[in-house]
């Protein structure tokens, strides 16, 4: 991670924020409810910048597609493929879902 983000995150500790921040999202058959400590729009923006710069969604897609993401060993990380496949939901699109939740968090921050 770039040092500029670490410096920004450290500087945010000096800002006064509410002690708890709660967000929840509901979809059919699915609910996410989280409570964050010392969370603010500034913290979210820094985390979003890191997410965008590191292209996390591209890395997640590469991981799930079996592409090389373990750069030190120069091979794919296939841990998720060794899990119990009988419980796997092939219709679940984790990338679209993560983008949806990121959008909702931005709208409500």
PDB file of N, CA and C in Angstrom:
ATOM      1  N   UNK A   1       0.840  -1.167   0.000  1.00  0.00           N
ATOM      2  CA  UNK A   1       0.000   0.000   0.000  1.00  0.00           C
ATOM      3  C   UNK A   1       0.890   1.237   0.000  1.00  0.00           C
ATOM      4  N   UNK A   2       0.409   2.259  -0.641  1.00  0.00           N
ATOM      5  CA  UNK A   2       1.212   3.473  -0.747  1.00  0.00           C
ATOM      6  C   UNK A   2       1.258   4.213   0.593  1.00  0.00           C
ATOM      7  N   UNK A   3       2.424   4.809   0.868  1.00  0.00           N
ATOM      8  CA  UNK A   3       2.604   5.544   2.124  1.00  0.00           C
ATOM      9  C   UNK A   3       1.663   6.728   2.251  1.00  0.00           C
ATOM     10  N   UNK A   4       1.265   7.338   1.102  1.00  0.00           N
ATOM     11  CA  UNK A   4       0.387   8.509   1.188  1.00  0.00           C
ATOM     12  C   UNK A   4      -0.932   8.154   1.864  1.00  0.00           C
ATOM     13  N   UNK A   5      -1.437   6.950   1.634  1.00  0.00           N
ATOM     14  CA  UNK A   5      -2.687   6.554   2.272  1.00  0.00           C
ATOM     15  C   UNK A   5      -2.495   6.304   3.754  1.00  0.00           C
ATOM     16  N   UNK A   6      -1.378   5.723   4.108  1.00  0.00           N
ATOM     17  CA  UNK A   6      -1.104   5.508   5.529  1.00  0.00           C
ATOM     18  C   UNK A   6      -1.022   6.838   6.260  1.00  0.00           C
ATOM     19  N   UNK A   7      -0.391   7.823   5.642  1.00  0.00           N
ATOM     20  CA  UNK A   7      -0.305   9.155   6.259  1.00  0.00           C
ATOM     21  C   UNK A   7      -1.689   9.771   6.399  1.00  0.00           C
ATOM     22  N   UNK A   8      -2.522   9.621   5.351  1.00  0.00           N
ATOM     23  CA  UNK A   8      -3.875  10.177   5.417  1.00  0.00           C
ATOM     24  C   UNK A   8      -4.694   9.508   6.517  1.00  0.00           C
ATOM     25  N   UNK A   9      -4.600   8.195   6.599  1.00  0.00           N
ATOM     26  CA  UNK A   9      -5.354   7.483   7.631  1.00  0.00           C
ATOM     27  C   UNK A   9      -4.901   7.876   9.031  1.00  0.00           C
ATOM     28  N   UNK A  10      -3.602   8.058   9.214  1.00  0.00           N
ATOM     29  CA  UNK A  10      -3.092   8.483  10.522  1.00  0.00           C
ATOM     30  C   UNK A  10      -3.577   9.886  10.863  1.00  0.00           C
ATOM     31  N   UNK A  11      -3.641  10.768   9.850  1.00  0.00           N
ATOM     32  CA  UNK A  11      -4.095  12.135  10.109  1.00  0.00           C
ATOM     33  C   UNK A  11      -5.572  12.165  10.495  1.00  0.00           C
ATOM     34  N   UNK A  12      -6.340  11.201  10.025  1.00  0.00           N
ATOM     35  CA  UNK A  12      -7.758  11.162  10.357  1.00  0.00           C
ATOM     36  C   UNK A  12      -8.011  10.837  11.819  1.00  0.00           C
ATOM     37  N   UNK A  13      -7.058  10.221  12.479  1.00  0.00           N
ATOM     38  CA  UNK A  13      -7.223   9.912  13.902  1.00  0.00           C
ATOM     39  C   UNK A  13      -7.393  11.185  14.720  1.00  0.00           C
ATOM     40  N   UNK A  14      -6.872  12.303  14.188  1.00  0.00           N
ATOM     41  CA  UNK A  14      -6.958  13.573  14.910  1.00  0.00           C
ATOM     42  C   UNK A  14      -8.335  14.217  14.765  1.00  0.00           C
ATOM     43  N   UNK A  15      -9.113  13.804  13.751  1.00  0.00           N
ATOM     44  CA  UNK A  15     -10.428  14.390  13.541  1.00  0.00           C
ATOM     45  C   UNK A  15     -11.413  13.841  14.561  1.00  0.00           C
ATOM     46  N   UNK A  16     -12.356  14.685  14.955  1.00  0.00           N
ATOM     47  CA  UNK A  16     -13.374  14.184  15.874  1.00  0.00           C
ATOM     48  C   UNK A  16     -14.481  13.532  15.052  1.00  0.00           C
ATOM     49  N   UNK A  17     -14.856  12.344  15.423  1.00  0.00           N
ATOM     50  CA  UNK A  17     -15.937  11.626  14.755  1.00  0.00           C
ATOM     51  C   UNK A  17     -16.849  11.060  15.821  1.00  0.00           C
ATOM     52  N   UNK A  18     -18.031  10.690  15.392  1.00  0.00           N
ATOM     53  CA  UNK A  18     -18.910  10.034  16.355  1.00  0.00           C
ATOM     54  C   UNK A  18     -18.305   8.688  16.707  1.00  0.00           C
ATOM     55  N   UNK A  19     -18.611   8.214  17.874  1.00  0.00           N
ATOM     56  CA  UNK A  19     -17.969   6.979  18.321  1.00  0.00           C
ATOM     57  C   UNK A  19     -18.447   5.760  17.535  1.00  0.00           C
ATOM     58  N   UNK A  20     -19.713   5.734  17.125  1.00  0.00           N
ATOM     59  CA  UNK A  20     -20.213   4.600  16.363  1.00  0.00           C
ATOM     60  C   UNK A  20     -20.986   5.068  15.137  1.00  0.00           C
ATOM     61  N   UNK A  21     -20.840   4.347  14.059  1.00  0.00           N
ATOM     62  CA  UNK A  21     -21.515   4.651  12.806  1.00  0.00           C
ATOM     63  C   UNK A  21     -22.154   3.357  12.329  1.00  0.00           C
ATOM     64  N   UNK A  22     -23.456   3.362  12.112  1.00  0.00           N
ATOM     65  CA  UNK A  22     -24.155   2.130  11.740  1.00  0.00           C
ATOM     66  C   UNK A  22     -24.722   2.244  10.328  1.00  0.00           C
ATOM     67  N   UNK A  23     -24.549   1.187   9.533  1.00  0.00           N
ATOM     68  CA  UNK A  23     -25.130   1.108   8.196  1.00  0.00           C
ATOM     69  C   UNK A  23     -25.753  -0.263   8.020  1.00  0.00           C
ATOM     70  N   UNK A  24     -26.852  -0.293   7.311  1.00  0.00           N
ATOM     71  CA  UNK A  24     -27.483  -1.570   7.016  1.00  0.00           C
ATOM     72  C   UNK A  24     -28.108  -1.545   5.632  1.00  0.00           C
ATOM     73  N   UNK A  25     -28.100  -2.664   4.954  1.00  0.00           N
ATOM     74  CA  UNK A  25     -28.697  -2.803   3.633  1.00  0.00           C
ATOM     75  C   UNK A  25     -29.500  -4.092   3.616  1.00  0.00           C
ATOM     76  N   UNK A  26     -30.681  -4.044   2.986  1.00  0.00           N
ATOM     77  CA  UNK A  26     -31.509  -5.242   2.895  1.00  0.00           C
ATOM     78  C   UNK A  26     -31.828  -5.519   1.434  1.00  0.00           C
ATOM     79  N   UNK A  27     -31.720  -6.776   1.093  1.00  0.00           N
ATOM     80  CA  UNK A  27     -32.131  -7.289  -0.206  1.00  0.00           C
ATOM     81  C   UNK A  27     -32.994  -8.513   0.076  1.00  0.00           C
ATOM     82  N   UNK A  28     -33.734  -8.991  -0.915  1.00  0.00           N
ATOM     83  CA  UNK A  28     -34.460 -10.237  -0.662  1.00  0.00           C
ATOM     84  C   UNK A  28     -33.494 -11.344  -0.242  1.00  0.00           C
ATOM     85  N   UNK A  29     -33.765 -11.978   0.864  1.00  0.00           N
ATOM     86  CA  UNK A  29     -32.977 -13.100   1.400  1.00  0.00           C
ATOM     87  C   UNK A  29     -31.577 -12.716   1.868  1.00  0.00           C
ATOM     88  N   UNK A  30     -31.266 -11.441   1.975  1.00  0.00           N
ATOM     89  CA  UNK A  30     -29.888 -11.050   2.297  1.00  0.00           C
ATOM     90  C   UNK A  30     -29.892  -9.715   3.030  1.00  0.00           C
ATOM     91  N   UNK A  31     -29.252  -9.652   4.185  1.00  0.00           N
ATOM     92  CA  UNK A  31     -29.147  -8.415   4.952  1.00  0.00           C
ATOM     93  C   UNK A  31     -27.710  -8.236   5.407  1.00  0.00           C
ATOM     94  N   UNK A  32     -27.231  -7.005   5.275  1.00  0.00           N
ATOM     95  CA  UNK A  32     -25.911  -6.660   5.814  1.00  0.00           C
ATOM     96  C   UNK A  32     -26.131  -5.554   6.824  1.00  0.00           C
ATOM     97  N   UNK A  33     -25.587  -5.725   8.001  1.00  0.00           N
ATOM     98  CA  UNK A  33     -25.690  -4.721   9.038  1.00  0.00           C
ATOM     99  C   UNK A  33     -24.332  -4.610   9.710  1.00  0.00           C
ATOM    100  N   UNK A  34     -23.788  -3.417   9.715  1.00  0.00           N
ATOM    101  CA  UNK A  34     -22.456  -3.229  10.280  1.00  0.00           C
ATOM    102  C   UNK A  34     -22.413  -1.980  11.136  1.00  0.00           C
ATOM    103  N   UNK A  35     -21.614  -2.046  12.155  1.00  0.00           N
ATOM    104  CA  UNK A  35     -21.353  -0.886  12.989  1.00  0.00           C
ATOM    105  C   UNK A  35     -19.858  -0.646  12.981  1.00  0.00           C
ATOM    106  N   UNK A  36     -19.486   0.576  12.657  1.00  0.00           N
ATOM    107  CA  UNK A  36     -18.077   0.936  12.551  1.00  0.00           C
ATOM    108  C   UNK A  36     -17.733   1.925  13.646  1.00  0.00           C
ATOM    109  N   UNK A  37     -16.546   1.812  14.154  1.00  0.00           N
ATOM    110  CA  UNK A  37     -16.073   2.748  15.153  1.00  0.00           C
ATOM    111  C   UNK A  37     -15.192   3.778  14.459  1.00  0.00           C
ATOM    112  N   UNK A  38     -15.383   5.040  14.791  1.00  0.00           N
ATOM    113  CA  UNK A  38     -14.590   6.141  14.235  1.00  0.00           C
ATOM    114  C   UNK A  38     -14.588   6.142  12.714  1.00  0.00           C
ATOM    115  N   UNK A  39     -15.761   5.955  12.119  1.00  0.00           N
ATOM    116  CA  UNK A  39     -15.917   5.938  10.668  1.00  0.00           C
ATOM    117  C   UNK A  39     -16.487   7.282  10.232  1.00  0.00           C
ATOM    118  N   UNK A  40     -16.029   7.781   9.091  1.00  0.00           N
ATOM    119  CA  UNK A  40     -16.526   9.049   8.568  1.00  0.00           C
ATOM    120  C   UNK A  40     -16.428   9.037   7.053  1.00  0.00           C
ATOM    121  N   UNK A  41     -16.976  10.075   6.417  1.00  0.00           N
ATOM    122  CA  UNK A  41     -16.865  10.204   4.960  1.00  0.00           C
ATOM    123  C   UNK A  41     -15.406  10.289   4.535  1.00  0.00           C
ATOM    124  N   UNK A  42     -14.590  10.948   5.341  1.00  0.00           N
ATOM    125  CA  UNK A  42     -13.162  11.064   5.013  1.00  0.00           C
ATOM    126  C   UNK A  42     -12.486   9.697   5.016  1.00  0.00           C
ATOM    127  N   UNK A  43     -12.805   8.890   6.015  1.00  0.00           N
ATOM    128  CA  UNK A  43     -12.231   7.541   6.088  1.00  0.00           C
ATOM    129  C   UNK A  43     -12.706   6.723   4.888  1.00  0.00           C
ATOM    130  N   UNK A  44     -14.012   6.810   4.588  1.00  0.00           N
ATOM    131  CA  UNK A  44     -14.534   6.078   3.439  1.00  0.00           C
ATOM    132  C   UNK A  44     -13.830   6.499   2.156  1.00  0.00           C
ATOM    133  N   UNK A  45     -13.629   7.787   1.960  1.00  0.00           N
ATOM    134  CA  UNK A  45     -12.996   8.270   0.728  1.00  0.00           C
ATOM    135  C   UNK A  45     -11.577   7.727   0.578  1.00  0.00           C
ATOM    136  N   UNK A  46     -10.837   7.696   1.655  1.00  0.00           N
ATOM    137  CA  UNK A  46      -9.475   7.152   1.596  1.00  0.00           C
ATOM    138  C   UNK A  46      -9.518   5.661   1.261  1.00  0.00           C
ATOM    139  N   UNK A  47     -10.402   4.924   1.916  1.00  0.00           N
ATOM    140  CA  UNK A  47     -10.509   3.492   1.633  1.00  0.00           C
ATOM    141  C   UNK A  47     -10.971   3.240   0.202  1.00  0.00           C
ATOM    142  N   UNK A  48     -11.886   4.077  -0.291  1.00  0.00           N
ATOM    143  CA  UNK A  48     -12.336   3.946  -1.677  1.00  0.00           C
ATOM    144  C   UNK A  48     -11.198   4.251  -2.651  1.00  0.00           C
ATOM    145  N   UNK A  49     -10.394   5.264  -2.345  1.00  0.00           N
ATOM    146  CA  UNK A  49      -9.239   5.582  -3.198  1.00  0.00           C
ATOM    147  C   UNK A  49      -8.268   4.407  -3.269  1.00  0.00           C
ATOM    148  N   UNK A  50      -8.024   3.782  -2.129  1.00  0.00           N
ATOM    149  CA  UNK A  50      -7.136   2.613  -2.097  1.00  0.00           C
ATOM    150  C   UNK A  50      -7.740   1.489  -2.938  1.00  0.00           C
ATOM    151  N   UNK A  51      -9.033   1.238  -2.764  1.00  0.00           N
ATOM    152  CA  UNK A  51      -9.740   0.194  -3.516  1.00  0.00           C
ATOM    153  C   UNK A  51      -9.607   0.429  -5.017  1.00  0.00           C
ATOM    154  N   UNK A  52      -9.836   1.683  -5.442  1.00  0.00           N
ATOM    155  CA  UNK A  52      -9.771   2.012  -6.869  1.00  0.00           C
ATOM    156  C   UNK A  52      -8.345   1.909  -7.398  1.00  0.00           C
ATOM    157  N   UNK A  53      -7.382   2.455  -6.666  1.00  0.00           N
ATOM    158  CA  UNK A  53      -5.999   2.457  -7.139  1.00  0.00           C
ATOM    159  C   UNK A  53      -5.422   1.048  -7.233  1.00  0.00           C
ATOM    160  N   UNK A  54      -5.746   0.208  -6.279  1.00  0.00           N
ATOM    161  CA  UNK A  54      -5.241  -1.164  -6.296  1.00  0.00           C
ATOM    162  C   UNK A  54      -6.058  -2.081  -7.207  1.00  0.00           C
ATOM    163  N   UNK A  55      -7.158  -1.542  -7.748  1.00  0.00           N
ATOM    164  CA  UNK A  55      -8.029  -2.302  -8.654  1.00  0.00           C
ATOM    165  C   UNK A  55      -8.465  -3.628  -8.018  1.00  0.00           C
ATOM    166  N   UNK A  56      -9.024  -3.505  -6.833  1.00  0.00           N
ATOM    167  CA  UNK A  56      -9.424  -4.679  -6.066  1.00  0.00           C
ATOM    168  C   UNK A  56     -10.449  -5.524  -6.826  1.00  0.00           C
ATOM    169  N   UNK A  57     -11.404  -4.880  -7.524  1.00  0.00           N
ATOM    170  CA  UNK A  57     -12.406  -5.660  -8.256  1.00  0.00           C
ATOM    171  C   UNK A  57     -11.769  -6.499  -9.359  1.00  0.00           C
ATOM    172  N   UNK A  58     -10.730  -5.975 -10.010  1.00  0.00           N
ATOM    173  CA  UNK A  58     -10.010  -6.730 -11.041  1.00  0.00           C
ATOM    174  C   UNK A  58      -9.282  -7.916 -10.410  1.00  0.00           C
ATOM    175  N   UNK A  59      -8.678  -7.685  -9.244  1.00  0.00           N
ATOM    176  CA  UNK A  59      -7.973  -8.771  -8.553  1.00  0.00           C
ATOM    177  C   UNK A  59      -8.930  -9.871  -8.088  1.00  0.00           C
ATOM    178  N   UNK A  60     -10.107  -9.478  -7.615  1.00  0.00           N
ATOM    179  CA  UNK A  60     -11.093 -10.479  -7.196  1.00  0.00           C
ATOM    180  C   UNK A  60     -11.540 -11.307  -8.396  1.00  0.00           C
ATOM    181  N   UNK A  61     -11.801 -10.637  -9.525  1.00  0.00           N
ATOM    182  CA  UNK A  61     -12.189 -11.364 -10.742  1.00  0.00           C
ATOM    183  C   UNK A  61     -11.089 -12.319 -11.177  1.00  0.00           C
ATOM    184  N   UNK A  62      -9.839 -11.855 -11.140  1.00  0.00           N
ATOM    185  CA  UNK A  62      -8.704 -12.703 -11.528  1.00  0.00           C
ATOM    186  C   UNK A  62      -8.588 -13.902 -10.594  1.00  0.00           C
ATOM    187  N   UNK A  63      -8.776 -13.674  -9.304  1.00  0.00           N
ATOM    188  CA  UNK A  63      -8.730 -14.766  -8.328  1.00  0.00           C
ATOM    189  C   UNK A  63      -9.776 -15.825  -8.653  1.00  0.00           C
ATOM    190  N   UNK A  64     -11.009 -15.376  -8.879  1.00  0.00           N
ATOM    191  CA  UNK A  64     -12.099 -16.310  -9.140  1.00  0.00           C
ATOM    192  C   UNK A  64     -11.968 -16.999 -10.496  1.00  0.00           C
ATOM    193  N   UNK A  65     -11.291 -16.347 -11.450  1.00  0.00           N
ATOM    194  CA  UNK A  65     -11.080 -16.936 -12.778  1.00  0.00           C
ATOM    195  C   UNK A  65      -9.858 -17.837 -12.838  1.00  0.00           C
ATOM    196  N   UNK A  66      -9.131 -17.974 -11.729  1.00  0.00           N
ATOM    197  CA  UNK A  66      -7.965 -18.852 -11.698  1.00  0.00           C
ATOM    198  C   UNK A  66      -6.726 -18.259 -12.340  1.00  0.00           C
ATOM    199  N   UNK A  67      -6.683 -16.933 -12.461  1.00  0.00           N
ATOM    200  CA  UNK A  67      -5.516 -16.272 -13.046  1.00  0.00           C
ATOM    201  C   UNK A  67      -4.444 -16.052 -11.980  1.00  0.00           C
ATOM    202  N   UNK A  68      -3.257 -15.717 -12.416  1.00  0.00           N
ATOM    203  CA  UNK A  68      -2.136 -15.511 -11.495  1.00  0.00           C
ATOM    204  C   UNK A  68      -2.381 -14.282 -10.625  1.00  0.00           C
ATOM    205  N   UNK A  69      -2.527 -14.507  -9.344  1.00  0.00           N
ATOM    206  CA  UNK A  69      -2.658 -13.410  -8.381  1.00  0.00           C
ATOM    207  C   UNK A  69      -1.655 -13.547  -7.247  1.00  0.00           C
ATOM    208  N   UNK A  70      -1.037 -14.695  -7.139  1.00  0.00           N
ATOM    209  CA  UNK A  70       0.014 -14.912  -6.150  1.00  0.00           C
ATOM    210  C   UNK A  70       1.332 -14.577  -6.845  1.00  0.00           C
ATOM    211  N   UNK A  71       1.692 -13.299  -6.787  1.00  0.00           N
ATOM    212  CA  UNK A  71       2.825 -12.810  -7.575  1.00  0.00           C
ATOM    213  C   UNK A  71       4.168 -13.287  -7.040  1.00  0.00           C
ATOM    214  N   UNK A  72       4.253 -13.605  -5.758  1.00  0.00           N
ATOM    215  CA  UNK A  72       5.532 -14.088  -5.226  1.00  0.00           C
ATOM    216  C   UNK A  72       5.829 -15.509  -5.707  1.00  0.00           C
ATOM    217  N   UNK A  73       4.778 -16.316  -5.864  1.00  0.00           N
ATOM    218  CA  UNK A  73       4.971 -17.690  -6.339  1.00  0.00           C
ATOM    219  C   UNK A  73       4.670 -17.842  -7.824  1.00  0.00           C
ATOM    220  N   UNK A  74       4.227 -16.747  -8.447  1.00  0.00           N
ATOM    221  CA  UNK A  74       3.891 -16.724  -9.871  1.00  0.00           C
ATOM    222  C   UNK A  74       2.888 -17.820 -10.253  1.00  0.00           C
ATOM    223  N   UNK A  75       1.784 -17.865  -9.501  1.00  0.00           N
ATOM    224  CA  UNK A  75       0.734 -18.831  -9.824  1.00  0.00           C
ATOM    225  C   UNK A  75      -0.609 -18.349  -9.280  1.00  0.00           C
ATOM    226  N   UNK A  76      -1.643 -19.051  -9.697  1.00  0.00           N
ATOM    227  CA  UNK A  76      -2.986 -18.722  -9.221  1.00  0.00           C
ATOM    228  C   UNK A  76      -3.130 -19.127  -7.758  1.00  0.00           C
ATOM    229  N   UNK A  77      -3.991 -18.420  -7.054  1.00  0.00           N
ATOM    230  CA  UNK A  77      -4.343 -18.789  -5.676  1.00  0.00           C
ATOM    231  C   UNK A  77      -5.686 -19.505  -5.767  1.00  0.00           C
ATOM    232  N   UNK A  78      -5.676 -20.788  -5.544  1.00  0.00           N
ATOM    233  CA  UNK A  78      -6.868 -21.598  -5.795  1.00  0.00           C
ATOM    234  C   UNK A  78      -7.538 -22.109  -4.528  1.00  0.00           C
ATOM    235  N   UNK A  79      -7.316 -21.446  -3.408  1.00  0.00           N
ATOM    236  CA  UNK A  79      -7.875 -21.889  -2.126  1.00  0.00           C
ATOM    237  C   UNK A  79      -9.397 -22.061  -2.197  1.00  0.00           C
ATOM    238  N   UNK A  80     -10.053 -21.117  -2.851  1.00  0.00           N
ATOM    239  CA  UNK A  80     -11.512 -21.150  -2.911  1.00  0.00           C
ATOM    240  C   UNK A  80     -12.029 -22.365  -3.685  1.00  0.00           C
ATOM    241  N   UNK A  81     -11.226 -22.940  -4.545  1.00  0.00           N
ATOM    242  CA  UNK A  81     -11.665 -24.097  -5.331  1.00  0.00           C
ATOM    243  C   UNK A  81     -11.628 -25.396  -4.532  1.00  0.00           C
ATOM    244  N   UNK A  82     -10.950 -25.381  -3.398  1.00  0.00           N
ATOM    245  CA  UNK A  82     -10.861 -26.586  -2.578  1.00  0.00           C
ATOM    246  C   UNK A  82     -11.984 -26.668  -1.552  1.00  0.00           C
ATOM    247  N   UNK A  83     -12.841 -25.671  -1.523  1.00  0.00           N
ATOM    248  CA  UNK A  83     -13.958 -25.656  -0.586  1.00  0.00           C
ATOM    249  C   UNK A  83     -15.029 -26.655  -1.034  1.00  0.00           C
ATOM    250  N   UNK A  84     -16.007 -26.880  -0.201  1.00  0.00           N
ATOM    251  CA  UNK A  84     -17.117 -27.782  -0.510  1.00  0.00           C
ATOM    252  C   UNK A  84     -17.952 -27.175  -1.631  1.00  0.00           C
ATOM    253  N   UNK A  85     -17.852 -27.725  -2.819  1.00  0.00           N
ATOM    254  CA  UNK A  85     -18.542 -27.170  -3.977  1.00  0.00           C
ATOM    255  C   UNK A  85     -20.040 -27.427  -3.958  1.00  0.00           C
ATOM    256  N   UNK A  86     -20.512 -28.363  -3.147  1.00  0.00           N
ATOM    257  CA  UNK A  86     -21.946 -28.632  -3.097  1.00  0.00           C
ATOM    258  C   UNK A  86     -22.716 -27.432  -2.563  1.00  0.00           C
ATOM    259  N   UNK A  87     -22.037 -26.564  -1.820  1.00  0.00           N
ATOM    260  CA  UNK A  87     -22.695 -25.381  -1.268  1.00  0.00           C
ATOM    261  C   UNK A  87     -22.498 -24.156  -2.150  1.00  0.00           C
ATOM    262  N   UNK A  88     -21.772 -24.292  -3.234  1.00  0.00           N
ATOM    263  CA  UNK A  88     -21.446 -23.145  -4.084  1.00  0.00           C
ATOM    264  C   UNK A  88     -22.676 -22.710  -4.872  1.00  0.00           C
ATOM    265  N   UNK A  89     -22.917 -21.414  -4.900  1.00  0.00           N
ATOM    266  CA  UNK A  89     -24.009 -20.849  -5.673  1.00  0.00           C
ATOM    267  C   UNK A  89     -23.420 -20.273  -6.953  1.00  0.00           C
ATOM    268  N   UNK A  90     -23.577 -20.972  -8.050  1.00  0.00           N
ATOM    269  CA  UNK A  90     -22.992 -20.536  -9.318  1.00  0.00           C
ATOM    270  C   UNK A  90     -23.657 -19.293  -9.889  1.00  0.00           C
ATOM    271  N   UNK A  91     -24.848 -18.951  -9.393  1.00  0.00           N
ATOM    272  CA  UNK A  91     -25.545 -17.771  -9.892  1.00  0.00           C
ATOM    273  C   UNK A  91     -25.125 -16.499  -9.169  1.00  0.00           C
ATOM    274  N   UNK A  92     -24.319 -16.622  -8.135  1.00  0.00           N
ATOM    275  CA  UNK A  92     -23.920 -15.458  -7.339  1.00  0.00           C
ATOM    276  C   UNK A  92     -22.747 -14.748  -7.995  1.00  0.00           C
ATOM    277  N   UNK A  93     -22.910 -13.471  -8.302  1.00  0.00           N
ATOM    278  CA  UNK A  93     -21.865 -12.664  -8.934  1.00  0.00           C
ATOM    279  C   UNK A  93     -21.280 -11.738  -7.868  1.00  0.00           C
ATOM    280  N   UNK A  94     -20.160 -12.133  -7.284  1.00  0.00           N
ATOM    281  CA  UNK A  94     -19.582 -11.381  -6.172  1.00  0.00           C
ATOM    282  C   UNK A  94     -19.097 -10.000  -6.593  1.00  0.00           C
ATOM    283  N   UNK A  95     -18.615  -9.851  -7.817  1.00  0.00           N
ATOM    284  CA  UNK A  95     -18.115  -8.547  -8.278  1.00  0.00           C
ATOM    285  C   UNK A  95     -19.266  -7.557  -8.395  1.00  0.00           C
ATOM    286  N   UNK A  96     -20.341  -7.940  -9.062  1.00  0.00           N
ATOM    287  CA  UNK A  96     -21.496  -7.044  -9.188  1.00  0.00           C
ATOM    288  C   UNK A  96     -22.082  -6.714  -7.825  1.00  0.00           C
ATOM    289  N   UNK A  97     -22.121  -7.695  -6.956  1.00  0.00           N
ATOM    290  CA  UNK A  97     -22.649  -7.470  -5.615  1.00  0.00           C
ATOM    291  C   UNK A  97     -21.785  -6.492  -4.843  1.00  0.00           C
ATOM    292  N   UNK A  98     -20.457  -6.634  -4.930  1.00  0.00           N
ATOM    293  CA  UNK A  98     -19.576  -5.708  -4.207  1.00  0.00           C
ATOM    294  C   UNK A  98     -19.696  -4.297  -4.772  1.00  0.00           C
ATOM    295  N   UNK A  99     -19.852  -4.169  -6.086  1.00  0.00           N
ATOM    296  CA  UNK A  99     -20.046  -2.834  -6.687  1.00  0.00           C
ATOM    297  C   UNK A  99     -21.357  -2.216  -6.220  1.00  0.00           C
ATOM    298  N   UNK A 100     -22.409  -3.032  -6.150  1.00  0.00           N
ATOM    299  CA  UNK A 100     -23.699  -2.555  -5.685  1.00  0.00           C
ATOM    300  C   UNK A 100     -23.594  -2.010  -4.261  1.00  0.00           C
ATOM    301  N   UNK A 101     -22.961  -2.784  -3.368  1.00  0.00           N
ATOM    302  CA  UNK A 101     -22.845  -2.345  -1.986  1.00  0.00           C
ATOM    303  C   UNK A 101     -21.943  -1.130  -1.855  1.00  0.00           C
ATOM    304  N   UNK A 102     -20.887  -1.046  -2.635  1.00  0.00           N
ATOM    305  CA  UNK A 102     -20.024   0.135  -2.606  1.00  0.00           C
ATOM    306  C   UNK A 102     -20.821   1.367  -3.023  1.00  0.00           C
ATOM    307  N   UNK A 103     -21.641   1.232  -4.067  1.00  0.00           N
ATOM    308  CA  UNK A 103     -22.486   2.340  -4.525  1.00  0.00           C
ATOM    309  C   UNK A 103     -23.456   2.766  -3.426  1.00  0.00           C
ATOM    310  N   UNK A 104     -24.095   1.788  -2.772  1.00  0.00           N
ATOM    311  CA  UNK A 104     -25.042   2.107  -1.699  1.00  0.00           C
ATOM    312  C   UNK A 104     -24.346   2.791  -0.521  1.00  0.00           C
ATOM    313  N   UNK A 105     -23.153   2.333  -0.188  1.00  0.00           N
ATOM    314  CA  UNK A 105     -22.409   2.956   0.908  1.00  0.00           C
ATOM    315  C   UNK A 105     -22.071   4.394   0.546  1.00  0.00           C
ATOM    316  N   UNK A 106     -21.642   4.639  -0.705  1.00  0.00           N
ATOM    317  CA  UNK A 106     -21.328   6.004  -1.144  1.00  0.00           C
ATOM    318  C   UNK A 106     -22.559   6.896  -1.061  1.00  0.00           C
ATOM    319  N   UNK A 107     -23.700   6.376  -1.520  1.00  0.00           N
ATOM    320  CA  UNK A 107     -24.939   7.156  -1.510  1.00  0.00           C
ATOM    321  C   UNK A 107     -25.372   7.525  -0.096  1.00  0.00           C
ATOM    322  N   UNK A 108     -25.097   6.668   0.850  1.00  0.00           N
ATOM    323  CA  UNK A 108     -25.578   6.870   2.215  1.00  0.00           C
ATOM    324  C   UNK A 108     -24.532   7.411   3.174  1.00  0.00           C
ATOM    325  N   UNK A 109     -23.347   7.726   2.674  1.00  0.00           N
ATOM    326  CA  UNK A 109     -22.291   8.248   3.555  1.00  0.00           C
ATOM    327  C   UNK A 109     -22.391   9.747   3.657  1.00  0.00           C
TER     328      UNK A 109
END
